């Protein structure tokens, strides 16, 4: 068997942490549990990550990259309304298919905000970075006659909707209710775009 590289080992710890945090939360995700889930020595984890905080930040960034990558690869159609609706459905589909990642991301975000200081700044920066990436994705779908000023608030609305929908789904795991809410949310996004176009806002 070939030697495991440091990068491969780091990635294994990150992926193991996703599962452990998803099951036990940040408070229950001890380094010992994470090392065991990665089937690796605890000393190896401490070699790859100088602190638990460093590992948790790496996990948050990993999940963020996964979901943004999924959104970037999706065909969102033409027009900001269509793109925003597709962004919402693609994100909710990904989170429901990757529930451990969803639980982990929410708990990590809560943890970072609760930590305050540098961790809180990282949480806010990460959230805004995600928004900026999605703004770029939506702008690529914008039609010439559409108002560019609508893109940023539209993306922020999509983020708020996705967060609320997935938190509700994690609470009851009722996919029928989720799908009904997604249908209503998509209609709301389309109305918001139509209203903005008609009012010239």
N, C-alpha and C. Protein backbone atom coordinates (compact mmCIF):
# COMPACT_ATOMS: atom_id res chain seq x y z
N UNK A 1 0.85 -1.20 0.00
CA UNK A 1 0.00 0.00 0.00
C UNK A 1 0.88 1.24 0.00
N UNK A 2 0.54 2.22 -0.84
CA UNK A 2 1.35 3.43 -0.96
C UNK A 2 1.26 4.31 0.26
N UNK A 3 2.23 5.14 0.39
CA UNK A 3 2.29 6.08 1.52
C UNK A 3 1.20 7.14 1.38
N UNK A 4 0.52 7.44 2.48
CA UNK A 4 -0.53 8.47 2.48
C UNK A 4 0.14 9.84 2.58
N UNK A 5 -0.16 10.72 1.63
CA UNK A 5 0.44 12.05 1.65
C UNK A 5 -0.21 12.91 2.71
N UNK A 6 0.47 13.99 3.07
CA UNK A 6 -0.07 14.91 4.08
C UNK A 6 -1.39 15.51 3.61
N UNK A 7 -1.48 15.86 2.32
CA UNK A 7 -2.73 16.44 1.79
C UNK A 7 -3.87 15.43 1.84
N UNK A 8 -3.56 14.17 1.49
CA UNK A 8 -4.59 13.13 1.55
C UNK A 8 -5.05 12.90 2.98
N UNK A 9 -4.11 12.93 3.90
CA UNK A 9 -4.44 12.73 5.31
C UNK A 9 -5.30 13.89 5.82
N UNK A 10 -4.94 15.11 5.46
CA UNK A 10 -5.74 16.27 5.85
C UNK A 10 -7.16 16.14 5.33
N UNK A 11 -7.29 15.75 4.06
CA UNK A 11 -8.61 15.62 3.46
C UNK A 11 -9.43 14.54 4.16
N UNK A 12 -8.78 13.46 4.54
CA UNK A 12 -9.47 12.38 5.25
C UNK A 12 -10.00 12.87 6.60
N UNK A 13 -9.20 13.69 7.29
CA UNK A 13 -9.65 14.24 8.57
C UNK A 13 -10.81 15.20 8.38
N UNK A 14 -10.76 16.02 7.34
CA UNK A 14 -11.85 16.96 7.05
C UNK A 14 -13.14 16.21 6.78
N UNK A 15 -13.07 15.18 5.94
CA UNK A 15 -14.26 14.41 5.61
C UNK A 15 -14.79 13.65 6.82
N UNK A 16 -13.90 13.15 7.64
CA UNK A 16 -14.33 12.47 8.86
C UNK A 16 -15.00 13.46 9.81
N UNK A 17 -14.46 14.67 9.88
CA UNK A 17 -15.04 15.69 10.76
C UNK A 17 -16.45 16.06 10.33
N UNK A 18 -16.70 16.08 9.02
CA UNK A 18 -18.06 16.36 8.53
C UNK A 18 -19.05 15.36 9.13
N UNK A 19 -18.69 14.10 9.07
CA UNK A 19 -19.58 13.06 9.58
C UNK A 19 -19.73 13.14 11.11
N UNK A 20 -18.63 13.39 11.80
CA UNK A 20 -18.68 13.43 13.26
C UNK A 20 -19.48 14.65 13.74
N UNK A 21 -19.24 15.81 13.14
CA UNK A 21 -19.98 17.01 13.53
C UNK A 21 -21.45 16.86 13.17
N UNK A 22 -21.72 16.26 12.00
CA UNK A 22 -23.10 16.05 11.61
C UNK A 22 -23.85 15.17 12.60
N UNK A 23 -23.15 14.25 13.23
CA UNK A 23 -23.78 13.33 14.19
C UNK A 23 -23.78 13.86 15.61
N UNK A 24 -22.68 14.49 16.03
CA UNK A 24 -22.52 14.89 17.43
C UNK A 24 -22.50 16.40 17.66
N UNK A 25 -22.49 17.19 16.58
CA UNK A 25 -22.37 18.63 16.75
C UNK A 25 -20.93 19.03 17.00
N UNK A 26 -20.66 20.33 16.93
CA UNK A 26 -19.29 20.81 17.16
C UNK A 26 -18.82 20.47 18.57
N UNK A 27 -19.70 20.63 19.54
CA UNK A 27 -19.30 20.39 20.94
C UNK A 27 -18.93 18.93 21.18
N UNK A 28 -19.54 18.02 20.42
CA UNK A 28 -19.26 16.61 20.61
C UNK A 28 -18.22 16.05 19.66
N UNK A 29 -17.73 16.90 18.79
CA UNK A 29 -16.74 16.45 17.79
C UNK A 29 -15.34 16.57 18.37
N UNK A 30 -14.97 15.64 19.21
CA UNK A 30 -13.64 15.65 19.79
C UNK A 30 -12.62 15.21 18.73
N UNK A 31 -11.39 15.62 18.92
CA UNK A 31 -10.35 15.20 17.98
C UNK A 31 -10.17 13.68 18.01
N UNK A 32 -10.40 13.09 19.15
CA UNK A 32 -10.29 11.63 19.26
C UNK A 32 -11.34 10.94 18.39
N UNK A 33 -12.58 11.45 18.44
CA UNK A 33 -13.65 10.89 17.61
C UNK A 33 -13.35 11.08 16.12
N UNK A 34 -12.85 12.25 15.78
CA UNK A 34 -12.55 12.53 14.37
C UNK A 34 -11.43 11.62 13.87
N UNK A 35 -10.40 11.46 14.67
CA UNK A 35 -9.29 10.58 14.28
C UNK A 35 -9.78 9.15 14.11
N UNK A 36 -10.65 8.69 15.02
CA UNK A 36 -11.18 7.34 14.92
C UNK A 36 -12.02 7.18 13.66
N UNK A 37 -12.82 8.20 13.33
CA UNK A 37 -13.66 8.14 12.12
C UNK A 37 -12.80 8.11 10.86
N UNK A 38 -11.63 8.75 10.93
CA UNK A 38 -10.70 8.75 9.79
C UNK A 38 -9.81 7.52 9.78
N UNK A 39 -9.94 6.68 10.81
CA UNK A 39 -9.12 5.48 10.96
C UNK A 39 -7.63 5.85 10.92
N UNK A 40 -7.30 6.85 11.72
CA UNK A 40 -5.92 7.36 11.75
C UNK A 40 -5.52 7.66 13.19
N UNK A 41 -4.24 7.67 13.48
CA UNK A 41 -3.78 7.98 14.84
C UNK A 41 -4.11 9.43 15.21
N UNK A 42 -4.44 9.63 16.47
CA UNK A 42 -4.72 10.98 16.96
C UNK A 42 -3.52 11.90 16.74
N UNK A 43 -2.32 11.38 16.93
CA UNK A 43 -1.11 12.19 16.75
C UNK A 43 -1.01 12.70 15.31
N UNK A 44 -1.51 11.91 14.37
CA UNK A 44 -1.48 12.31 12.97
C UNK A 44 -2.39 13.50 12.73
N UNK A 45 -3.54 13.52 13.40
CA UNK A 45 -4.45 14.66 13.27
C UNK A 45 -3.79 15.93 13.79
N UNK A 46 -3.15 15.82 14.95
CA UNK A 46 -2.49 17.00 15.53
C UNK A 46 -1.29 17.45 14.70
N UNK A 47 -0.73 16.54 13.93
CA UNK A 47 0.36 16.91 13.03
C UNK A 47 -0.19 17.69 11.83
N UNK A 48 -1.35 17.26 11.32
CA UNK A 48 -1.95 17.91 10.14
C UNK A 48 -2.61 19.25 10.48
N UNK A 49 -3.17 19.34 11.68
CA UNK A 49 -3.87 20.57 12.10
C UNK A 49 -3.34 20.96 13.47
N UNK A 50 -2.85 22.19 13.56
CA UNK A 50 -2.22 22.62 14.80
C UNK A 50 -3.22 22.85 15.93
N UNK A 51 -4.50 23.01 15.57
CA UNK A 51 -5.54 23.19 16.58
C UNK A 51 -6.86 22.67 16.05
N UNK A 52 -7.78 22.41 16.97
CA UNK A 52 -9.12 21.97 16.55
C UNK A 52 -9.79 23.09 15.76
N UNK A 53 -9.55 24.33 16.14
CA UNK A 53 -10.14 25.46 15.43
C UNK A 53 -9.70 25.47 13.97
N UNK A 54 -8.43 25.20 13.73
CA UNK A 54 -7.92 25.16 12.35
C UNK A 54 -8.64 24.07 11.55
N UNK A 55 -8.87 22.92 12.16
CA UNK A 55 -9.58 21.84 11.50
C UNK A 55 -11.02 22.25 11.19
N UNK A 56 -11.69 22.86 12.15
CA UNK A 56 -13.08 23.26 11.95
C UNK A 56 -13.21 24.29 10.83
N UNK A 57 -12.27 25.21 10.75
CA UNK A 57 -12.29 26.21 9.67
C UNK A 57 -12.10 25.51 8.32
N UNK A 58 -11.22 24.52 8.28
CA UNK A 58 -10.99 23.79 7.04
C UNK A 58 -12.24 23.04 6.62
N UNK A 59 -12.98 22.51 7.58
CA UNK A 59 -14.23 21.80 7.27
C UNK A 59 -15.25 22.76 6.69
N UNK A 60 -15.39 23.92 7.31
CA UNK A 60 -16.36 24.92 6.81
C UNK A 60 -16.03 25.33 5.38
N UNK A 61 -14.76 25.60 5.12
CA UNK A 61 -14.34 26.01 3.78
C UNK A 61 -14.54 24.89 2.77
N UNK A 62 -14.32 23.66 3.19
CA UNK A 62 -14.51 22.49 2.31
C UNK A 62 -15.98 22.38 1.86
N UNK A 63 -16.90 22.49 2.82
CA UNK A 63 -18.32 22.38 2.47
C UNK A 63 -18.74 23.55 1.58
N UNK A 64 -18.25 24.73 1.89
CA UNK A 64 -18.55 25.91 1.08
C UNK A 64 -18.10 25.70 -0.36
N UNK A 65 -16.91 25.16 -0.54
CA UNK A 65 -16.39 24.90 -1.89
C UNK A 65 -17.22 23.85 -2.62
N UNK A 66 -17.70 22.85 -1.90
CA UNK A 66 -18.53 21.81 -2.51
C UNK A 66 -19.83 22.38 -3.05
N UNK A 67 -20.52 23.17 -2.24
CA UNK A 67 -21.83 23.69 -2.68
C UNK A 67 -21.66 24.73 -3.77
N UNK A 68 -20.65 25.59 -3.68
CA UNK A 68 -20.42 26.59 -4.74
C UNK A 68 -20.03 25.88 -6.03
N UNK A 69 -19.24 24.82 -5.93
CA UNK A 69 -18.88 24.05 -7.11
C UNK A 69 -20.10 23.44 -7.78
N UNK A 70 -21.02 22.92 -6.97
CA UNK A 70 -22.25 22.35 -7.51
C UNK A 70 -23.07 23.41 -8.23
N UNK A 71 -23.17 24.58 -7.64
CA UNK A 71 -23.93 25.67 -8.25
C UNK A 71 -23.27 26.14 -9.55
N UNK A 72 -21.95 26.19 -9.55
CA UNK A 72 -21.21 26.66 -10.73
C UNK A 72 -21.38 25.72 -11.92
N UNK A 73 -21.53 24.44 -11.64
CA UNK A 73 -21.67 23.45 -12.71
C UNK A 73 -23.09 23.34 -13.26
N UNK A 74 -24.05 23.92 -12.55
CA UNK A 74 -25.45 23.75 -12.93
C UNK A 74 -25.84 24.69 -14.07
N UNK A 75 -26.75 24.23 -14.91
CA UNK A 75 -27.31 25.06 -15.97
C UNK A 75 -28.48 25.83 -15.36
N UNK A 76 -28.26 27.11 -15.12
CA UNK A 76 -29.27 27.92 -14.44
C UNK A 76 -30.21 28.64 -15.41
N UNK A 77 -29.99 28.44 -16.70
CA UNK A 77 -30.87 29.08 -17.67
C UNK A 77 -30.51 30.53 -17.92
N UNK A 78 -31.40 31.24 -18.58
CA UNK A 78 -31.19 32.65 -18.90
C UNK A 78 -32.17 33.53 -18.15
N UNK A 79 -31.69 34.69 -17.74
CA UNK A 79 -32.51 35.62 -16.98
C UNK A 79 -32.27 35.44 -15.49
N UNK A 80 -32.25 36.54 -14.75
CA UNK A 80 -31.90 36.47 -13.33
C UNK A 80 -32.98 35.77 -12.51
N UNK A 81 -34.24 35.86 -12.94
CA UNK A 81 -35.30 35.18 -12.21
C UNK A 81 -35.16 33.67 -12.33
N UNK A 82 -34.95 33.21 -13.55
CA UNK A 82 -34.75 31.78 -13.79
C UNK A 82 -33.51 31.28 -13.07
N UNK A 83 -32.44 32.06 -13.13
CA UNK A 83 -31.19 31.66 -12.50
C UNK A 83 -31.32 31.59 -10.98
N UNK A 84 -32.01 32.58 -10.39
CA UNK A 84 -32.20 32.59 -8.94
C UNK A 84 -33.03 31.39 -8.50
N UNK A 85 -34.07 31.07 -9.26
CA UNK A 85 -34.92 29.92 -8.93
C UNK A 85 -34.13 28.63 -9.02
N UNK A 86 -33.31 28.50 -10.07
CA UNK A 86 -32.49 27.30 -10.24
C UNK A 86 -31.43 27.21 -9.15
N UNK A 87 -30.90 28.36 -8.75
CA UNK A 87 -29.92 28.39 -7.66
C UNK A 87 -30.55 27.84 -6.39
N UNK A 88 -31.76 28.26 -6.10
CA UNK A 88 -32.46 27.82 -4.90
C UNK A 88 -32.73 26.31 -4.94
N UNK A 89 -33.26 25.82 -6.05
CA UNK A 89 -33.59 24.40 -6.13
C UNK A 89 -32.33 23.53 -6.15
N UNK A 90 -31.27 24.00 -6.83
CA UNK A 90 -30.02 23.24 -6.86
C UNK A 90 -29.41 23.15 -5.46
N UNK A 91 -29.42 24.27 -4.73
CA UNK A 91 -28.86 24.28 -3.37
C UNK A 91 -29.66 23.39 -2.43
N UNK A 92 -30.98 23.49 -2.47
CA UNK A 92 -31.79 22.66 -1.57
C UNK A 92 -31.66 21.18 -1.92
N UNK A 93 -31.58 20.87 -3.21
CA UNK A 93 -31.38 19.47 -3.62
C UNK A 93 -30.05 18.93 -3.08
N UNK A 94 -29.01 19.77 -3.19
CA UNK A 94 -27.69 19.33 -2.73
C UNK A 94 -27.69 19.11 -1.22
N UNK A 95 -28.26 20.04 -0.48
CA UNK A 95 -28.27 19.91 0.98
C UNK A 95 -29.07 18.70 1.44
N UNK A 96 -30.22 18.43 0.81
CA UNK A 96 -31.01 17.28 1.23
C UNK A 96 -30.31 15.96 0.86
N UNK A 97 -29.54 15.99 -0.21
CA UNK A 97 -28.79 14.79 -0.60
C UNK A 97 -27.54 14.60 0.25
N UNK A 98 -27.12 15.67 0.95
CA UNK A 98 -25.91 15.66 1.77
C UNK A 98 -26.24 16.22 3.15
N UNK A 99 -27.12 15.53 3.85
CA UNK A 99 -27.64 16.08 5.11
C UNK A 99 -26.57 16.26 6.18
N UNK A 100 -25.57 15.36 6.20
CA UNK A 100 -24.50 15.53 7.19
C UNK A 100 -23.74 16.82 6.94
N UNK A 101 -23.52 17.14 5.66
CA UNK A 101 -22.85 18.39 5.32
C UNK A 101 -23.70 19.59 5.74
N UNK A 102 -25.01 19.48 5.52
CA UNK A 102 -25.90 20.59 5.90
C UNK A 102 -25.87 20.82 7.40
N UNK A 103 -26.03 19.75 8.18
CA UNK A 103 -26.00 19.90 9.64
C UNK A 103 -24.66 20.45 10.11
N UNK A 104 -23.60 19.95 9.51
CA UNK A 104 -22.25 20.41 9.89
C UNK A 104 -22.06 21.88 9.59
N UNK A 105 -22.46 22.31 8.39
CA UNK A 105 -22.26 23.71 8.02
C UNK A 105 -23.03 24.65 8.94
N UNK A 106 -24.28 24.31 9.23
CA UNK A 106 -25.08 25.16 10.12
C UNK A 106 -24.48 25.22 11.51
N UNK A 107 -24.05 24.07 12.03
CA UNK A 107 -23.50 24.06 13.38
C UNK A 107 -22.17 24.79 13.44
N UNK A 108 -21.36 24.65 12.39
CA UNK A 108 -20.09 25.37 12.35
C UNK A 108 -20.30 26.88 12.28
N UNK A 109 -21.29 27.29 11.49
CA UNK A 109 -21.56 28.72 11.38
C UNK A 109 -22.03 29.29 12.73
N UNK A 110 -22.89 28.53 13.40
CA UNK A 110 -23.35 28.94 14.73
C UNK A 110 -22.17 29.02 15.70
N UNK A 111 -21.29 28.03 15.62
CA UNK A 111 -20.12 28.00 16.49
C UNK A 111 -19.20 29.19 16.23
N UNK A 112 -18.96 29.50 14.96
CA UNK A 112 -18.06 30.60 14.63
C UNK A 112 -18.64 31.94 15.10
N UNK A 113 -19.94 32.12 14.94
CA UNK A 113 -20.56 33.37 15.41
C UNK A 113 -20.51 33.46 16.93
N UNK A 114 -20.70 32.33 17.59
CA UNK A 114 -20.67 32.31 19.04
C UNK A 114 -19.29 32.51 19.63
N UNK A 115 -18.27 32.11 18.86
CA UNK A 115 -16.89 32.27 19.33
C UNK A 115 -16.49 33.74 19.42
N UNK A 116 -17.05 34.55 18.53
CA UNK A 116 -16.68 35.96 18.50
C UNK A 116 -15.27 36.16 17.96
N UNK A 117 -14.80 37.38 17.98
CA UNK A 117 -13.44 37.68 17.55
C UNK A 117 -13.14 37.22 16.15
N UNK A 118 -11.98 36.60 15.97
CA UNK A 118 -11.52 36.20 14.66
C UNK A 118 -12.44 35.17 14.02
N UNK A 119 -12.97 34.23 14.82
CA UNK A 119 -13.86 33.21 14.28
C UNK A 119 -15.14 33.83 13.73
N UNK A 120 -15.67 34.81 14.45
CA UNK A 120 -16.87 35.50 13.99
C UNK A 120 -16.61 36.23 12.68
N UNK A 121 -15.44 36.85 12.59
CA UNK A 121 -15.07 37.56 11.35
C UNK A 121 -14.95 36.58 10.19
N UNK A 122 -14.38 35.41 10.46
CA UNK A 122 -14.25 34.39 9.42
C UNK A 122 -15.62 33.95 8.95
N UNK A 123 -16.56 33.76 9.88
CA UNK A 123 -17.91 33.34 9.53
C UNK A 123 -18.57 34.37 8.62
N UNK A 124 -18.47 35.62 9.00
CA UNK A 124 -19.08 36.68 8.18
C UNK A 124 -18.40 36.79 6.83
N UNK A 125 -17.08 36.70 6.82
CA UNK A 125 -16.34 36.78 5.56
C UNK A 125 -16.69 35.61 4.64
N UNK A 126 -16.83 34.42 5.23
CA UNK A 126 -17.16 33.24 4.43
C UNK A 126 -18.55 33.37 3.83
N UNK A 127 -19.49 33.88 4.62
CA UNK A 127 -20.86 34.04 4.13
C UNK A 127 -20.91 35.05 2.99
N UNK A 128 -20.22 36.16 3.17
CA UNK A 128 -20.20 37.20 2.13
C UNK A 128 -19.45 36.71 0.89
N UNK A 129 -18.41 35.91 1.08
CA UNK A 129 -17.67 35.37 -0.06
C UNK A 129 -18.58 34.46 -0.89
N UNK A 130 -19.40 33.66 -0.19
CA UNK A 130 -20.36 32.81 -0.88
C UNK A 130 -21.36 33.63 -1.66
N UNK A 131 -21.81 34.72 -1.07
CA UNK A 131 -22.74 35.62 -1.77
C UNK A 131 -22.10 36.19 -3.03
N UNK A 132 -20.84 36.63 -2.92
CA UNK A 132 -20.17 37.23 -4.08
C UNK A 132 -20.01 36.22 -5.22
N UNK A 133 -19.71 34.97 -4.87
CA UNK A 133 -19.57 33.94 -5.89
C UNK A 133 -20.90 33.69 -6.59
N UNK A 134 -21.98 33.70 -5.82
CA UNK A 134 -23.30 33.46 -6.42
C UNK A 134 -23.77 34.67 -7.22
N UNK A 135 -23.40 35.87 -6.80
CA UNK A 135 -23.70 37.06 -7.59
C UNK A 135 -23.05 36.93 -8.97
N UNK A 136 -21.82 36.48 -8.99
CA UNK A 136 -21.12 36.29 -10.27
C UNK A 136 -21.83 35.26 -11.13
N UNK A 137 -22.31 34.18 -10.51
CA UNK A 137 -23.02 33.13 -11.24
C UNK A 137 -24.31 33.69 -11.84
N UNK A 138 -25.07 34.45 -11.05
CA UNK A 138 -26.35 35.01 -11.53
C UNK A 138 -26.10 36.05 -12.62
N UNK A 139 -25.07 36.86 -12.45
CA UNK A 139 -24.78 37.90 -13.46
C UNK A 139 -24.47 37.28 -14.82
N UNK A 140 -23.87 36.09 -14.80
CA UNK A 140 -23.55 35.41 -16.06
C UNK A 140 -24.82 35.00 -16.81
N UNK A 141 -25.94 34.96 -16.10
CA UNK A 141 -27.23 34.56 -16.70
C UNK A 141 -28.11 35.77 -17.03
N UNK A 142 -27.67 36.97 -16.65
CA UNK A 142 -28.49 38.17 -16.81
C UNK A 142 -28.71 38.51 -18.28
N UNK A 143 -29.95 38.85 -18.61
CA UNK A 143 -30.27 39.30 -19.95
C UNK A 143 -29.97 40.80 -20.09
N UNK A 144 -29.71 41.28 -21.29
CA UNK A 144 -29.30 42.69 -21.47
C UNK A 144 -30.26 43.71 -20.89
N UNK A 145 -31.55 43.43 -20.93
CA UNK A 145 -32.53 44.42 -20.46
C UNK A 145 -32.74 44.38 -18.95
N UNK A 146 -32.15 43.40 -18.27
CA UNK A 146 -32.41 43.26 -16.83
C UNK A 146 -31.52 44.18 -16.01
N UNK A 147 -32.08 44.64 -14.90
CA UNK A 147 -31.40 45.59 -14.02
C UNK A 147 -30.35 44.89 -13.17
N UNK A 148 -29.10 45.27 -13.34
CA UNK A 148 -28.01 44.66 -12.57
C UNK A 148 -28.15 44.93 -11.08
N UNK A 149 -28.82 46.02 -10.73
CA UNK A 149 -29.00 46.36 -9.32
C UNK A 149 -29.86 45.38 -8.56
N UNK A 150 -30.58 44.52 -9.27
CA UNK A 150 -31.44 43.53 -8.61
C UNK A 150 -30.66 42.28 -8.20
N UNK A 151 -29.48 42.09 -8.76
CA UNK A 151 -28.78 40.81 -8.58
C UNK A 151 -28.37 40.57 -7.13
N UNK A 152 -27.75 41.53 -6.50
CA UNK A 152 -27.26 41.32 -5.13
C UNK A 152 -28.41 41.05 -4.15
N UNK A 153 -29.46 41.90 -4.12
CA UNK A 153 -30.55 41.58 -3.20
C UNK A 153 -31.25 40.27 -3.53
N UNK A 154 -31.27 39.90 -4.79
CA UNK A 154 -31.88 38.63 -5.19
C UNK A 154 -31.08 37.46 -4.63
N UNK A 155 -29.76 37.53 -4.73
CA UNK A 155 -28.92 36.47 -4.18
C UNK A 155 -29.07 36.37 -2.67
N UNK A 156 -29.12 37.51 -2.00
CA UNK A 156 -29.28 37.49 -0.54
C UNK A 156 -30.62 36.89 -0.15
N UNK A 157 -31.64 37.15 -0.97
CA UNK A 157 -32.96 36.56 -0.72
C UNK A 157 -32.90 35.04 -0.90
N UNK A 158 -32.22 34.59 -1.95
CA UNK A 158 -32.06 33.16 -2.18
C UNK A 158 -31.34 32.51 -0.99
N UNK A 159 -30.27 33.12 -0.52
CA UNK A 159 -29.53 32.57 0.62
C UNK A 159 -30.44 32.44 1.84
N UNK A 160 -31.22 33.49 2.11
CA UNK A 160 -32.12 33.46 3.27
C UNK A 160 -33.16 32.36 3.13
N UNK A 161 -33.69 32.21 1.92
CA UNK A 161 -34.69 31.17 1.68
C UNK A 161 -34.10 29.78 1.85
N UNK A 162 -32.93 29.54 1.27
CA UNK A 162 -32.29 28.23 1.36
C UNK A 162 -32.00 27.89 2.82
N UNK A 163 -31.43 28.84 3.56
CA UNK A 163 -31.12 28.59 4.97
C UNK A 163 -32.38 28.20 5.74
N UNK A 164 -33.45 28.96 5.56
CA UNK A 164 -34.70 28.68 6.27
C UNK A 164 -35.32 27.35 5.87
N UNK A 165 -35.34 27.08 4.58
CA UNK A 165 -35.93 25.83 4.09
C UNK A 165 -35.17 24.60 4.60
N UNK A 166 -33.85 24.67 4.57
CA UNK A 166 -33.06 23.51 4.99
C UNK A 166 -33.10 23.32 6.51
N UNK A 167 -33.11 24.40 7.26
CA UNK A 167 -33.25 24.26 8.71
C UNK A 167 -34.59 23.61 9.07
N UNK A 168 -35.66 24.02 8.38
CA UNK A 168 -36.98 23.41 8.62
C UNK A 168 -36.96 21.94 8.24
N UNK A 169 -36.32 21.61 7.12
CA UNK A 169 -36.25 20.22 6.68
C UNK A 169 -35.42 19.36 7.64
N UNK A 170 -34.33 19.90 8.14
CA UNK A 170 -33.52 19.16 9.10
C UNK A 170 -34.31 18.86 10.37
N UNK A 171 -35.26 19.75 10.70
CA UNK A 171 -36.05 19.57 11.92
C UNK A 171 -37.08 18.46 11.77
N UNK A 172 -37.71 18.35 10.60
CA UNK A 172 -38.79 17.36 10.48
C UNK A 172 -38.58 16.31 9.37
N UNK A 173 -37.60 16.53 8.49
CA UNK A 173 -37.29 15.61 7.38
C UNK A 173 -38.53 15.30 6.54
N UNK A 174 -39.43 16.27 6.43
CA UNK A 174 -40.64 16.09 5.64
C UNK A 174 -40.39 16.66 4.24
N UNK A 175 -40.03 15.79 3.31
CA UNK A 175 -39.68 16.24 1.95
C UNK A 175 -40.89 16.78 1.22
N UNK A 176 -42.08 16.26 1.53
CA UNK A 176 -43.29 16.77 0.88
C UNK A 176 -43.52 18.24 1.23
N UNK A 177 -43.36 18.57 2.49
CA UNK A 177 -43.50 19.96 2.92
C UNK A 177 -42.40 20.82 2.30
N UNK A 178 -41.19 20.28 2.26
CA UNK A 178 -40.08 21.03 1.68
C UNK A 178 -40.36 21.37 0.22
N UNK A 179 -40.80 20.38 -0.55
CA UNK A 179 -41.07 20.61 -1.97
C UNK A 179 -42.17 21.64 -2.18
N UNK A 180 -43.20 21.59 -1.32
CA UNK A 180 -44.27 22.59 -1.42
C UNK A 180 -43.74 23.98 -1.12
N UNK A 181 -42.85 24.08 -0.13
CA UNK A 181 -42.26 25.38 0.23
C UNK A 181 -41.33 25.88 -0.87
N UNK A 182 -40.58 24.97 -1.50
CA UNK A 182 -39.69 25.36 -2.59
C UNK A 182 -40.50 25.92 -3.75
N UNK A 183 -41.61 25.26 -4.07
CA UNK A 183 -42.48 25.73 -5.15
C UNK A 183 -42.97 27.15 -4.86
N UNK A 184 -43.36 27.40 -3.62
CA UNK A 184 -43.82 28.73 -3.24
C UNK A 184 -42.67 29.74 -3.28
N UNK A 185 -41.48 29.32 -2.83
CA UNK A 185 -40.32 30.21 -2.83
C UNK A 185 -39.93 30.61 -4.25
N UNK A 186 -39.98 29.64 -5.17
CA UNK A 186 -39.66 29.93 -6.57
C UNK A 186 -40.64 30.94 -7.14
N UNK A 187 -41.92 30.76 -6.83
CA UNK A 187 -42.93 31.73 -7.29
C UNK A 187 -42.66 33.12 -6.72
N UNK A 188 -42.23 33.13 -5.45
CA UNK A 188 -41.92 34.42 -4.82
C UNK A 188 -40.73 35.11 -5.47
N UNK A 189 -39.71 34.34 -5.84
CA UNK A 189 -38.55 34.92 -6.52
C UNK A 189 -38.95 35.50 -7.88
N UNK A 190 -39.77 34.76 -8.61
CA UNK A 190 -40.19 35.23 -9.93
C UNK A 190 -41.03 36.49 -9.81
N UNK A 191 -41.90 36.54 -8.80
CA UNK A 191 -42.71 37.75 -8.56
C UNK A 191 -41.83 38.94 -8.20
N UNK A 192 -40.80 38.66 -7.38
CA UNK A 192 -39.89 39.74 -6.97
C UNK A 192 -39.17 40.33 -8.18
N UNK A 193 -38.72 39.45 -9.10
CA UNK A 193 -38.04 39.92 -10.30
C UNK A 193 -39.00 40.67 -11.21
N UNK A 194 -40.21 40.14 -11.37
CA UNK A 194 -41.21 40.80 -12.22
C UNK A 194 -41.57 42.17 -11.65
N UNK A 195 -41.73 42.23 -10.33
CA UNK A 195 -42.08 43.51 -9.69
C UNK A 195 -40.96 44.52 -9.89
N UNK A 196 -39.73 44.06 -9.71
CA UNK A 196 -38.59 44.97 -9.89
C UNK A 196 -38.49 45.47 -11.30
N UNK A 197 -38.80 44.60 -12.28
CA UNK A 197 -38.73 44.99 -13.68
C UNK A 197 -39.82 46.00 -14.00
N UNK A 198 -41.02 45.77 -13.48
CA UNK A 198 -42.15 46.64 -13.79
C UNK A 198 -42.02 48.00 -13.12
N UNK A 199 -41.47 47.98 -11.88
CA UNK A 199 -41.35 49.24 -11.14
C UNK A 199 -40.10 50.01 -11.51
N UNK A 200 -39.18 49.33 -12.22
CA UNK A 200 -37.93 49.98 -12.61
C UNK A 200 -36.96 50.12 -11.47
N UNK A 201 -37.18 49.32 -10.39
CA UNK A 201 -36.27 49.39 -9.23
C UNK A 201 -35.02 48.58 -9.47
